[in-house]
C-alpha atoms as a PDB file:
ATOM      1  CA  UNK A   1       0.801 -21.968  18.697  1.00  0.00           C
ATOM      2  CA  UNK A   2      -2.526 -22.375  18.270  1.00  0.00           C
ATOM      3  CA  UNK A   3      -4.883 -20.792  15.194  1.00  0.00           C
ATOM      4  CA  UNK A   4      -7.083 -17.717  15.862  1.00  0.00           C
ATOM      5  CA  UNK A   5     -10.532 -17.932  15.106  1.00  0.00           C
ATOM      6  CA  UNK A   6     -12.441 -15.304  13.282  1.00  0.00           C
ATOM      7  CA  UNK A   7     -13.514 -14.397  16.503  1.00  0.00           C
ATOM      8  CA  UNK A   8     -10.173 -14.302  18.133  1.00  0.00           C
ATOM      9  CA  UNK A   9      -8.837 -12.383  15.106  1.00  0.00           C
ATOM     10  CA  UNK A  10     -11.277  -9.601  15.033  1.00  0.00           C
ATOM     11  CA  UNK A  11     -10.793  -8.857  18.958  1.00  0.00           C
ATOM     12  CA  UNK A  12      -7.116  -8.711  18.125  1.00  0.00           C
ATOM     13  CA  UNK A  13      -7.437  -6.212  15.284  1.00  0.00           C
ATOM     14  CA  UNK A  14      -6.715  -2.684  16.521  1.00  0.00           C
ATOM     15  CA  UNK A  15      -7.758  -0.352  13.839  1.00  0.00           C
ATOM     16  CA  UNK A  16      -7.570   3.108  13.831  1.00  0.00           C
ATOM     17  CA  UNK A  17      -4.153   2.795  15.122  1.00  0.00           C
ATOM     18  CA  UNK A  18      -2.211   3.572  12.390  1.00  0.00           C
ATOM     19  CA  UNK A  19      -0.795   7.463  12.170  1.00  0.00           C
ATOM     20  CA  UNK A  20      -3.057   9.584  10.396  1.00  0.00           C
ATOM     21  CA  UNK A  21      -0.062  10.275   7.938  1.00  0.00           C
ATOM     22  CA  UNK A  22       0.031   6.610   6.544  1.00  0.00           C
ATOM     23  CA  UNK A  23      -4.014   6.696   6.302  1.00  0.00           C
ATOM     24  CA  UNK A  24      -3.732   9.675   4.111  1.00  0.00           C
ATOM     25  CA  UNK A  25      -0.679   8.033   2.332  1.00  0.00           C
ATOM     26  CA  UNK A  26      -2.340   4.957   1.055  1.00  0.00           C
ATOM     27  CA  UNK A  27      -5.009   6.505   0.477  1.00  0.00           C
ATOM     28  CA  UNK A  28      -3.696   8.894  -2.245  1.00  0.00           C
ATOM     29  CA  UNK A  29      -1.673   6.045  -3.154  1.00  0.00           C
ATOM     30  CA  UNK A  30      -4.762   3.805  -3.677  1.00  0.00           C
ATOM     31  CA  UNK A  31      -6.614   6.593  -5.538  1.00  0.00           C
ATOM     32  CA  UNK A  32      -3.485   6.868  -7.968  1.00  0.00           C
ATOM     33  CA  UNK A  33      -3.294   3.006  -8.793  1.00  0.00           C
ATOM     34  CA  UNK A  34      -6.759   3.018  -9.549  1.00  0.00           C
ATOM     35  CA  UNK A  35      -6.003   5.858 -12.033  1.00  0.00           C
ATOM     36  CA  UNK A  36      -3.208   3.661 -13.239  1.00  0.00           C
ATOM     37  CA  UNK A  37      -5.252   0.816 -14.260  1.00  0.00           C
ATOM     38  CA  UNK A  38      -7.699   2.948 -16.187  1.00  0.00           C
ATOM     39  CA  UNK A  39      -5.096   4.387 -18.039  1.00  0.00           C
ATOM     40  CA  UNK A  40      -3.316   1.110 -18.524  1.00  0.00           C
ATOM     41  CA  UNK A  41      -6.690  -0.143 -20.222  1.00  0.00           C
ATOM     42  CA  UNK A  42      -7.451   2.477 -22.513  1.00  0.00           C
ATOM     43  CA  UNK A  43      -3.718   2.698 -23.631  1.00  0.00           C
ATOM     44  CA  UNK A  44      -2.925   1.107 -26.955  1.00  0.00           C
ATOM     45  CA  UNK A  45       0.817   1.799 -26.756  1.00  0.00           C
ATOM     46  CA  UNK A  46       2.064  -1.106 -25.626  1.00  0.00           C
ATOM     47  CA  UNK A  47       5.490   1.347 -24.800  1.00  0.00           C
ATOM     48  CA  UNK A  48       3.442   3.849 -22.756  1.00  0.00           C
ATOM     49  CA  UNK A  49       1.389   0.850 -21.145  1.00  0.00           C
ATOM     50  CA  UNK A  50       4.701  -0.979 -19.749  1.00  0.00           C
ATOM     51  CA  UNK A  51       5.861   2.389 -18.045  1.00  0.00           C
ATOM     52  CA  UNK A  52       1.938   3.136 -16.480  1.00  0.00           C
ATOM     53  CA  UNK A  53       2.634  -0.582 -15.399  1.00  0.00           C
ATOM     54  CA  UNK A  54       5.588   0.504 -13.946  1.00  0.00           C
ATOM     55  CA  UNK A  55       4.410   3.564 -11.872  1.00  0.00           C
ATOM     56  CA  UNK A  56       1.563   1.130 -10.593  1.00  0.00           C
ATOM     57  CA  UNK A  57       4.157  -1.197  -9.744  1.00  0.00           C
ATOM     58  CA  UNK A  58       6.113   1.039  -7.572  1.00  0.00           C
ATOM     59  CA  UNK A  59       3.099   2.554  -5.826  1.00  0.00           C
ATOM     60  CA  UNK A  60       2.069  -0.989  -4.943  1.00  0.00           C
ATOM     61  CA  UNK A  61       5.642  -1.414  -3.665  1.00  0.00           C
ATOM     62  CA  UNK A  62       5.276   1.679  -1.479  1.00  0.00           C
ATOM     63  CA  UNK A  63       1.863   0.085  -0.292  1.00  0.00           C
ATOM     64  CA  UNK A  64       3.230  -2.844   0.919  1.00  0.00           C
ATOM     65  CA  UNK A  65       6.211  -1.558   2.186  1.00  0.00           C
ATOM     66  CA  UNK A  66       4.383   0.463   4.774  1.00  0.00           C
ATOM     67  CA  UNK A  67       2.192  -2.343   5.678  1.00  0.00           C
ATOM     68  CA  UNK A  68       5.064  -4.361   6.617  1.00  0.00           C
ATOM     69  CA  UNK A  69       6.613  -1.410   8.694  1.00  0.00           C
ATOM     70  CA  UNK A  70       3.825  -0.039  10.464  1.00  0.00           C
ATOM     71  CA  UNK A  71       2.889  -3.989  11.484  1.00  0.00           C
ATOM     72  CA  UNK A  72       5.769  -4.459  12.849  1.00  0.00           C
ATOM     73  CA  UNK A  73       6.984  -0.722  13.990  1.00  0.00           C
ATOM     74  CA  UNK A  74      10.219  -0.738  12.114  1.00  0.00           C
ATOM     75  CA  UNK A  75      11.064   2.595  12.586  1.00  0.00           C
ATOM     76  CA  UNK A  76      13.913   2.763  10.297  1.00  0.00           C
ATOM     77  CA  UNK A  77      11.748   1.386   7.787  1.00  0.00           C
ATOM     78  CA  UNK A  78       9.400   3.924   8.029  1.00  0.00           C
ATOM     79  CA  UNK A  79      11.031   6.872   7.774  1.00  0.00           C
ATOM     80  CA  UNK A  80      12.624   5.504   4.825  1.00  0.00           C
ATOM     81  CA  UNK A  81       9.279   5.150   3.015  1.00  0.00           C
ATOM     82  CA  UNK A  82       8.458   8.224   4.558  1.00  0.00           C
ATOM     83  CA  UNK A  83      11.602  10.368   2.485  1.00  0.00           C
ATOM     84  CA  UNK A  84      10.902   8.723  -0.488  1.00  0.00           C
END
């Protein structure tokens, strides 16, 4: 198996092939993650800060899970992530 060059890699990308619900869901989660980052930076109470970090980590896990599920076309994982 050979390593793909950049041009070959770009040629093999299929942008925009993800279902609309995936694009919207990831977009919403990214906005929430950014919001949480701002809140974490402003928070002075360590307990509240840790709770915000936990929420952020949960969203990051969903984004990662969706990436794996969609790229591998794992319908069972996709349905689990959809139902939350």
